[in-house]
Amino acid sequence: MSASYLRVYRGPEEETSVPTLARNNGGKPCITAPLSEVLPLLADAVNSRRTWLSDFEDDEITLSADLYEVLLAYQYYRRPSA
């Protein structure tokens, strides 16, 4: 009698979000990536006071309108005078 092998089915594999390379209006290459991938790295770099962050101070980023509104509200309400 041959041995039977069982496998555990865990459902369909989840699609992972892969950063997308594109070009902005100026023709410069840009990447679209999930905030959940970028934010922890930026937060760690800020907390660690990495000097390379200053190289990107003048770079522009694109945010969704609702995230921008939330950030503005957060900025307003975290002020000491508020």
PDB file of N, CA and C in Angstrom:
ATOM      1  N   MET A   1       0.849  -1.167   0.000  1.00  0.00           N
ATOM      2  CA  MET A   1       0.000   0.000   0.000  1.00  0.00           C
ATOM      3  C   MET A   1       0.905   1.244   0.000  1.00  0.00           C
ATOM      4  N   SER A   2       0.615   2.197  -0.847  1.00  0.00           N
ATOM      5  CA  SER A   2       1.451   3.396  -0.928  1.00  0.00           C
ATOM      6  C   SER A   2       1.033   4.409   0.134  1.00  0.00           C
ATOM      7  N   ALA A   3       2.025   5.156   0.583  1.00  0.00           N
ATOM      8  CA  ALA A   3       1.759   6.173   1.604  1.00  0.00           C
ATOM      9  C   ALA A   3       1.065   7.367   0.960  1.00  0.00           C
ATOM     10  N   SER A   4       0.106   7.929   1.659  1.00  0.00           N
ATOM     11  CA  SER A   4      -0.567   9.123   1.137  1.00  0.00           C
ATOM     12  C   SER A   4      -0.014  10.354   1.846  1.00  0.00           C
ATOM     13  N   TYR A   5       0.165  11.398   1.107  1.00  0.00           N
ATOM     14  CA  TYR A   5       0.692  12.635   1.659  1.00  0.00           C
ATOM     15  C   TYR A   5      -0.407  13.679   1.661  1.00  0.00           C
ATOM     16  N   LEU A   6      -0.573  14.319   2.781  1.00  0.00           N
ATOM     17  CA  LEU A   6      -1.589  15.352   2.914  1.00  0.00           C
ATOM     18  C   LEU A   6      -0.917  16.715   2.955  1.00  0.00           C
ATOM     19  N   ARG A   7      -1.575  17.691   2.364  1.00  0.00           N
ATOM     20  CA  ARG A   7      -1.092  19.067   2.406  1.00  0.00           C
ATOM     21  C   ARG A   7      -2.159  19.937   3.034  1.00  0.00           C
ATOM     22  N   VAL A   8      -1.745  20.958   3.748  1.00  0.00           N
ATOM     23  CA  VAL A   8      -2.681  21.889   4.360  1.00  0.00           C
ATOM     24  C   VAL A   8      -2.961  22.998   3.358  1.00  0.00           C
ATOM     25  N   TYR A   9      -4.232  23.197   3.046  1.00  0.00           N
ATOM     26  CA  TYR A   9      -4.626  24.266   2.138  1.00  0.00           C
ATOM     27  C   TYR A   9      -4.871  25.531   2.946  1.00  0.00           C
ATOM     28  N   ARG A  10      -4.186  26.608   2.618  1.00  0.00           N
ATOM     29  CA  ARG A  10      -4.293  27.859   3.364  1.00  0.00           C
ATOM     30  C   ARG A  10      -5.041  28.927   2.581  1.00  0.00           C
ATOM     31  N   GLY A  11      -5.704  28.563   1.543  1.00  0.00           N
ATOM     32  CA  GLY A  11      -6.454  29.525   0.744  1.00  0.00           C
ATOM     33  C   GLY A  11      -5.592  30.111  -0.364  1.00  0.00           C
ATOM     34  N   PRO A  12      -6.180  30.977  -1.156  1.00  0.00           N
ATOM     35  CA  PRO A  12      -5.418  31.569  -2.262  1.00  0.00           C
ATOM     36  C   PRO A  12      -4.309  32.470  -1.731  1.00  0.00           C
ATOM     37  N   GLU A  13      -3.212  32.524  -2.456  1.00  0.00           N
ATOM     38  CA  GLU A  13      -2.113  33.387  -2.055  1.00  0.00           C
ATOM     39  C   GLU A  13      -2.524  34.839  -2.218  1.00  0.00           C
ATOM     40  N   GLU A  14      -2.147  35.635  -1.221  1.00  0.00           N
ATOM     41  CA  GLU A  14      -2.465  37.053  -1.284  1.00  0.00           C
ATOM     42  C   GLU A  14      -1.503  37.742  -2.234  1.00  0.00           C
ATOM     43  N   GLU A  15      -2.054  38.673  -2.974  1.00  0.00           N
ATOM     44  CA  GLU A  15      -1.207  39.440  -3.862  1.00  0.00           C
ATOM     45  C   GLU A  15      -0.465  40.485  -3.044  1.00  0.00           C
ATOM     46  N   THR A  16       0.824  40.551  -3.234  1.00  0.00           N
ATOM     47  CA  THR A  16       1.602  41.571  -2.539  1.00  0.00           C
ATOM     48  C   THR A  16       1.707  42.787  -3.433  1.00  0.00           C
ATOM     49  N   SER A  17       1.684  43.935  -2.798  1.00  0.00           N
ATOM     50  CA  SER A  17       1.785  45.177  -3.543  1.00  0.00           C
ATOM     51  C   SER A  17       3.240  45.417  -3.927  1.00  0.00           C
ATOM     52  N   VAL A  18       3.466  45.537  -5.208  1.00  0.00           N
ATOM     53  CA  VAL A  18       4.813  45.739  -5.716  1.00  0.00           C
ATOM     54  C   VAL A  18       4.946  47.202  -6.130  1.00  0.00           C
ATOM     55  N   PRO A  19       6.013  47.863  -5.700  1.00  0.00           N
ATOM     56  CA  PRO A  19       6.205  49.253  -6.127  1.00  0.00           C
ATOM     57  C   PRO A  19       6.198  49.361  -7.654  1.00  0.00           C
ATOM     58  N   THR A  20       5.583  50.423  -8.154  1.00  0.00           N
ATOM     59  CA  THR A  20       5.423  50.624  -9.585  1.00  0.00           C
ATOM     60  C   THR A  20       6.300  51.768 -10.044  1.00  0.00           C
ATOM     61  N   LEU A  21       7.093  51.524 -11.073  1.00  0.00           N
ATOM     62  CA  LEU A  21       7.944  52.555 -11.633  1.00  0.00           C
ATOM     63  C   LEU A  21       7.176  53.297 -12.714  1.00  0.00           C
ATOM     64  N   ALA A  22       7.210  54.621 -12.664  1.00  0.00           N
ATOM     65  CA  ALA A  22       6.531  55.461 -13.651  1.00  0.00           C
ATOM     66  C   ALA A  22       7.383  56.701 -13.883  1.00  0.00           C
ATOM     67  N   ARG A  23       6.852  57.624 -14.637  1.00  0.00           N
ATOM     68  CA  ARG A  23       7.528  58.906 -14.863  1.00  0.00           C
ATOM     69  C   ARG A  23       6.550  60.016 -14.516  1.00  0.00           C
ATOM     70  N   ASN A  24       7.058  61.053 -13.823  1.00  0.00           N
ATOM     71  CA  ASN A  24       6.195  62.171 -13.468  1.00  0.00           C
ATOM     72  C   ASN A  24       6.079  63.125 -14.652  1.00  0.00           C
ATOM     73  N   ASN A  25       5.378  64.248 -14.456  1.00  0.00           N
ATOM     74  CA  ASN A  25       5.177  65.209 -15.545  1.00  0.00           C
ATOM     75  C   ASN A  25       6.483  65.788 -16.065  1.00  0.00           C
ATOM     76  N   GLY A  26       7.489  65.856 -15.218  1.00  0.00           N
ATOM     77  CA  GLY A  26       8.788  66.371 -15.624  1.00  0.00           C
ATOM     78  C   GLY A  26       9.651  65.318 -16.301  1.00  0.00           C
ATOM     79  N   GLY A  27       9.152  64.095 -16.412  1.00  0.00           N
ATOM     80  CA  GLY A  27       9.895  63.024 -17.044  1.00  0.00           C
ATOM     81  C   GLY A  27      10.845  62.295 -16.112  1.00  0.00           C
ATOM     82  N   LYS A  28      10.850  62.689 -14.838  1.00  0.00           N
ATOM     83  CA  LYS A  28      11.730  62.023 -13.882  1.00  0.00           C
ATOM     84  C   LYS A  28      11.088  60.716 -13.419  1.00  0.00           C
ATOM     85  N   PRO A  29      11.911  59.690 -13.176  1.00  0.00           N
ATOM     86  CA  PRO A  29      11.341  58.433 -12.694  1.00  0.00           C
ATOM     87  C   PRO A  29      10.771  58.588 -11.285  1.00  0.00           C
ATOM     88  N   CYS A  30       9.648  57.948 -11.039  1.00  0.00           N
ATOM     89  CA  CYS A  30       9.034  57.972  -9.713  1.00  0.00           C
ATOM     90  C   CYS A  30       8.460  56.589  -9.408  1.00  0.00           C
ATOM     91  N   ILE A  31       8.278  56.320  -8.146  1.00  0.00           N
ATOM     92  CA  ILE A  31       7.786  55.030  -7.675  1.00  0.00           C
ATOM     93  C   ILE A  31       6.481  55.242  -6.922  1.00  0.00           C
ATOM     94  N   THR A  32       5.514  54.382  -7.163  1.00  0.00           N
ATOM     95  CA  THR A  32       4.293  54.360  -6.374  1.00  0.00           C
ATOM     96  C   THR A  32       4.373  53.127  -5.484  1.00  0.00           C
ATOM     97  N   ALA A  33       4.346  53.353  -4.173  1.00  0.00           N
ATOM     98  CA  ALA A  33       4.467  52.263  -3.211  1.00  0.00           C
ATOM     99  C   ALA A  33       3.483  52.493  -2.076  1.00  0.00           C
ATOM    100  N   PRO A  34       3.076  51.441  -1.396  1.00  0.00           N
ATOM    101  CA  PRO A  34       2.158  51.610  -0.272  1.00  0.00           C
ATOM    102  C   PRO A  34       2.831  52.347   0.886  1.00  0.00           C
ATOM    103  N   LEU A  35       2.071  53.209   1.528  1.00  0.00           N
ATOM    104  CA  LEU A  35       2.576  53.977   2.654  1.00  0.00           C
ATOM    105  C   LEU A  35       3.051  53.052   3.771  1.00  0.00           C
ATOM    106  N   SER A  36       2.399  51.924   3.939  1.00  0.00           N
ATOM    107  CA  SER A  36       2.774  50.977   4.994  1.00  0.00           C
ATOM    108  C   SER A  36       4.180  50.421   4.788  1.00  0.00           C
ATOM    109  N   GLU A  37       4.671  50.484   3.578  1.00  0.00           N
ATOM    110  CA  GLU A  37       6.029  50.015   3.298  1.00  0.00           C
ATOM    111  C   GLU A  37       7.066  51.114   3.534  1.00  0.00           C
ATOM    112  N   VAL A  38       6.699  52.352   3.245  1.00  0.00           N
ATOM    113  CA  VAL A  38       7.640  53.467   3.305  1.00  0.00           C
ATOM    114  C   VAL A  38       7.688  54.109   4.691  1.00  0.00           C
ATOM    115  N   LEU A  39       6.548  54.258   5.321  1.00  0.00           N
ATOM    116  CA  LEU A  39       6.459  55.004   6.576  1.00  0.00           C
ATOM    117  C   LEU A  39       7.352  54.464   7.702  1.00  0.00           C
ATOM    118  N   PRO A  40       7.379  53.155   7.961  1.00  0.00           N
ATOM    119  CA  PRO A  40       8.260  52.677   9.034  1.00  0.00           C
ATOM    120  C   PRO A  40       9.737  52.992   8.770  1.00  0.00           C
ATOM    121  N   LEU A  41      10.148  52.929   7.523  1.00  0.00           N
ATOM    122  CA  LEU A  41      11.536  53.226   7.192  1.00  0.00           C
ATOM    123  C   LEU A  41      11.852  54.699   7.402  1.00  0.00           C
ATOM    124  N   LEU A  42      10.934  55.567   6.976  1.00  0.00           N
ATOM    125  CA  LEU A  42      11.145  56.999   7.182  1.00  0.00           C
ATOM    126  C   LEU A  42      11.126  57.355   8.667  1.00  0.00           C
ATOM    127  N   ALA A  43      10.207  56.767   9.399  1.00  0.00           N
ATOM    128  CA  ALA A  43      10.122  57.046  10.838  1.00  0.00           C
ATOM    129  C   ALA A  43      11.410  56.623  11.547  1.00  0.00           C
ATOM    130  N   ASP A  44      11.943  55.465  11.186  1.00  0.00           N
ATOM    131  CA  ASP A  44      13.187  55.013  11.787  1.00  0.00           C
ATOM    132  C   ASP A  44      14.340  55.936  11.415  1.00  0.00           C
ATOM    133  N   ALA A  45      14.376  56.387  10.165  1.00  0.00           N
ATOM    134  CA  ALA A  45      15.443  57.288   9.722  1.00  0.00           C
ATOM    135  C   ALA A  45      15.366  58.622  10.468  1.00  0.00           C
ATOM    136  N   VAL A  46      14.162  59.137  10.683  1.00  0.00           N
ATOM    137  CA  VAL A  46      13.997  60.395  11.421  1.00  0.00           C
ATOM    138  C   VAL A  46      14.417  60.202  12.878  1.00  0.00           C
ATOM    139  N   ASN A  47      13.939  59.136  13.496  1.00  0.00           N
ATOM    140  CA  ASN A  47      14.284  58.869  14.903  1.00  0.00           C
ATOM    141  C   ASN A  47      15.777  58.639  15.095  1.00  0.00           C
ATOM    142  N   SER A  48      16.422  58.076  14.080  1.00  0.00           N
ATOM    143  CA  SER A  48      17.862  57.813  14.149  1.00  0.00           C
ATOM    144  C   SER A  48      18.696  58.992  13.676  1.00  0.00           C
ATOM    145  N   ARG A  49      17.997  60.067  13.292  1.00  0.00           N
ATOM    146  CA  ARG A  49      18.662  61.289  12.814  1.00  0.00           C
ATOM    147  C   ARG A  49      19.652  61.007  11.685  1.00  0.00           C
ATOM    148  N   ARG A  50      19.207  60.280  10.679  1.00  0.00           N
ATOM    149  CA  ARG A  50      20.057  59.953   9.532  1.00  0.00           C
ATOM    150  C   ARG A  50      20.309  61.210   8.705  1.00  0.00           C
ATOM    151  N   THR A  51      21.544  61.467   8.411  1.00  0.00           N
ATOM    152  CA  THR A  51      21.905  62.692   7.695  1.00  0.00           C
ATOM    153  C   THR A  51      21.468  62.660   6.237  1.00  0.00           C
ATOM    154  N   TRP A  52      21.304  61.483   5.665  1.00  0.00           N
ATOM    155  CA  TRP A  52      20.913  61.412   4.261  1.00  0.00           C
ATOM    156  C   TRP A  52      19.504  61.954   4.017  1.00  0.00           C
ATOM    157  N   LEU A  53      18.704  62.072   5.069  1.00  0.00           N
ATOM    158  CA  LEU A  53      17.365  62.642   4.895  1.00  0.00           C
ATOM    159  C   LEU A  53      17.430  64.072   4.375  1.00  0.00           C
ATOM    160  N   SER A  54      18.454  64.817   4.779  1.00  0.00           N
ATOM    161  CA  SER A  54      18.576  66.208   4.330  1.00  0.00           C
ATOM    162  C   SER A  54      18.783  66.299   2.814  1.00  0.00           C
ATOM    163  N   ASP A  55      19.279  65.239   2.201  1.00  0.00           N
ATOM    164  CA  ASP A  55      19.444  65.231   0.737  1.00  0.00           C
ATOM    165  C   ASP A  55      18.105  65.301   0.019  1.00  0.00           C
ATOM    166  N   PHE A  56      17.037  64.937   0.701  1.00  0.00           N
ATOM    167  CA  PHE A  56      15.724  64.857   0.070  1.00  0.00           C
ATOM    168  C   PHE A  56      14.740  65.897   0.593  1.00  0.00           C
ATOM    169  N   GLU A  57      15.218  66.880   1.352  1.00  0.00           N
ATOM    170  CA  GLU A  57      14.342  67.878   1.961  1.00  0.00           C
ATOM    171  C   GLU A  57      13.502  68.638   0.939  1.00  0.00           C
ATOM    172  N   ASP A  58      14.043  68.902  -0.229  1.00  0.00           N
ATOM    173  CA  ASP A  58      13.329  69.695  -1.234  1.00  0.00           C
ATOM    174  C   ASP A  58      12.550  68.837  -2.226  1.00  0.00           C
ATOM    175  N   ASP A  59      12.608  67.523  -2.089  1.00  0.00           N
ATOM    176  CA  ASP A  59      11.852  66.646  -2.983  1.00  0.00           C
ATOM    177  C   ASP A  59      10.361  66.766  -2.684  1.00  0.00           C
ATOM    178  N   GLU A  60       9.564  66.678  -3.714  1.00  0.00           N
ATOM    179  CA  GLU A  60       8.112  66.720  -3.548  1.00  0.00           C
ATOM    180  C   GLU A  60       7.572  65.304  -3.509  1.00  0.00           C
ATOM    181  N   ILE A  61       6.510  65.108  -2.735  1.00  0.00           N
ATOM    182  CA  ILE A  61       5.826  63.827  -2.689  1.00  0.00           C
ATOM    183  C   ILE A  61       4.362  64.053  -3.036  1.00  0.00           C
ATOM    184  N   THR A  62       3.705  63.023  -3.487  1.00  0.00           N
ATOM    185  CA  THR A  62       2.286  63.094  -3.811  1.00  0.00           C
ATOM    186  C   THR A  62       1.509  62.310  -2.769  1.00  0.00           C
ATOM    187  N   LEU A  63       0.532  62.962  -2.151  1.00  0.00           N
ATOM    188  CA  LEU A  63      -0.318  62.340  -1.140  1.00  0.00           C
ATOM    189  C   LEU A  63      -1.750  62.348  -1.623  1.00  0.00           C
ATOM    190  N   SER A  64      -2.533  61.401  -1.145  1.00  0.00           N
ATOM    191  CA  SER A  64      -3.963  61.460  -1.434  1.00  0.00           C
ATOM    192  C   SER A  64      -4.550  62.656  -0.685  1.00  0.00           C
ATOM    193  N   ALA A  65      -5.626  63.212  -1.211  1.00  0.00           N
ATOM    194  CA  ALA A  65      -6.234  64.402  -0.611  1.00  0.00           C
ATOM    195  C   ALA A  65      -6.706  64.130   0.815  1.00  0.00           C
ATOM    196  N   ASP A  66      -7.272  62.955   1.060  1.00  0.00           N
ATOM    197  CA  ASP A  66      -7.773  62.672   2.412  1.00  0.00           C
ATOM    198  C   ASP A  66      -6.632  62.515   3.416  1.00  0.00           C
ATOM    199  N   LEU A  67      -5.510  61.913   3.017  1.00  0.00           N
ATOM    200  CA  LEU A  67      -4.363  61.829   3.918  1.00  0.00           C
ATOM    201  C   LEU A  67      -3.809  63.215   4.214  1.00  0.00           C
ATOM    202  N   TYR A  68      -3.759  64.071   3.216  1.00  0.00           N
ATOM    203  CA  TYR A  68      -3.265  65.429   3.423  1.00  0.00           C
ATOM    204  C   TYR A  68      -4.147  66.197   4.401  1.00  0.00           C
ATOM    205  N   GLU A  69      -5.459  66.044   4.272  1.00  0.00           N
ATOM    206  CA  GLU A  69      -6.389  66.710   5.192  1.00  0.00           C
ATOM    207  C   GLU A  69      -6.196  66.211   6.622  1.00  0.00           C
ATOM    208  N   VAL A  70      -6.000  64.921   6.788  1.00  0.00           N
ATOM    209  CA  VAL A  70      -5.776  64.356   8.119  1.00  0.00           C
ATOM    210  C   VAL A  70      -4.468  64.893   8.694  1.00  0.00           C
ATOM    211  N   LEU A  71      -3.433  64.989   7.887  1.00  0.00           N
ATOM    212  CA  LEU A  71      -2.156  65.521   8.363  1.00  0.00           C
ATOM    213  C   LEU A  71      -2.267  66.984   8.769  1.00  0.00           C
ATOM    214  N   LEU A  72      -3.026  67.763   8.004  1.00  0.00           N
ATOM    215  CA  LEU A  72      -3.225  69.168   8.365  1.00  0.00           C
ATOM    216  C   LEU A  72      -3.973  69.289   9.692  1.00  0.00           C
ATOM    217  N   ALA A  73      -5.000  68.471   9.875  1.00  0.00           N
ATOM    218  CA  ALA A  73      -5.749  68.495  11.129  1.00  0.00           C
ATOM    219  C   ALA A  73      -4.850  68.060  12.287  1.00  0.00           C
ATOM    220  N   TYR A  74      -4.049  67.036  12.074  1.00  0.00           N
ATOM    221  CA  TYR A  74      -3.124  66.576  13.111  1.00  0.00           C
ATOM    222  C   TYR A  74      -2.124  67.673  13.461  1.00  0.00           C
ATOM    223  N   GLN A  75      -1.604  68.354  12.468  1.00  0.00           N
ATOM    224  CA  GLN A  75      -0.667  69.434  12.701  1.00  0.00           C
ATOM    225  C   GLN A  75      -1.300  70.548  13.520  1.00  0.00           C
ATOM    226  N   TYR A  76      -2.550  70.879  13.209  1.00  0.00           N
ATOM    227  CA  TYR A  76      -3.245  71.943  13.918  1.00  0.00           C
ATOM    228  C   TYR A  76      -3.480  71.560  15.373  1.00  0.00           C
ATOM    229  N   TYR A  77      -3.974  70.337  15.622  1.00  0.00           N
ATOM    230  CA  TYR A  77      -4.360  69.957  16.973  1.00  0.00           C
ATOM    231  C   TYR A  77      -3.186  69.541  17.852  1.00  0.00           C
ATOM    232  N   ARG A  78      -2.048  69.300  17.298  1.00  0.00           N
ATOM    233  CA  ARG A  78      -0.905  68.940  18.138  1.00  0.00           C
ATOM    234  C   ARG A  78      -0.100  70.157  18.569  1.00  0.00           C
ATOM    235  N   ARG A  79      -0.469  71.323  18.074  1.00  0.00           N
ATOM    236  CA  ARG A  79       0.209  72.556  18.503  1.00  0.00           C
ATOM    237  C   ARG A  79      -0.011  72.755  19.995  1.00  0.00           C
ATOM    238  N   PRO A  80       1.000  73.257  20.689  1.00  0.00           N
ATOM    239  CA  PRO A  80       0.855  73.470  22.142  1.00  0.00           C
ATOM    240  C   PRO A  80      -0.255  74.487  22.473  1.00  0.00           C
ATOM    241  N   SER A  81      -0.499  75.437  21.590  1.00  0.00           N
ATOM    242  CA  SER A  81      -1.503  76.473  21.884  1.00  0.00           C
ATOM    243  C   SER A  81      -2.927  76.007  21.613  1.00  0.00           C
ATOM    244  N   ALA A  82      -3.107  74.880  20.940  1.00  0.00           N
ATOM    245  CA  ALA A  82      -4.450  74.413  20.599  1.00  0.00           C
ATOM    246  C   ALA A  82      -5.123  73.727  21.764  1.00  0.00           C
TER     247      ALA A  82
END
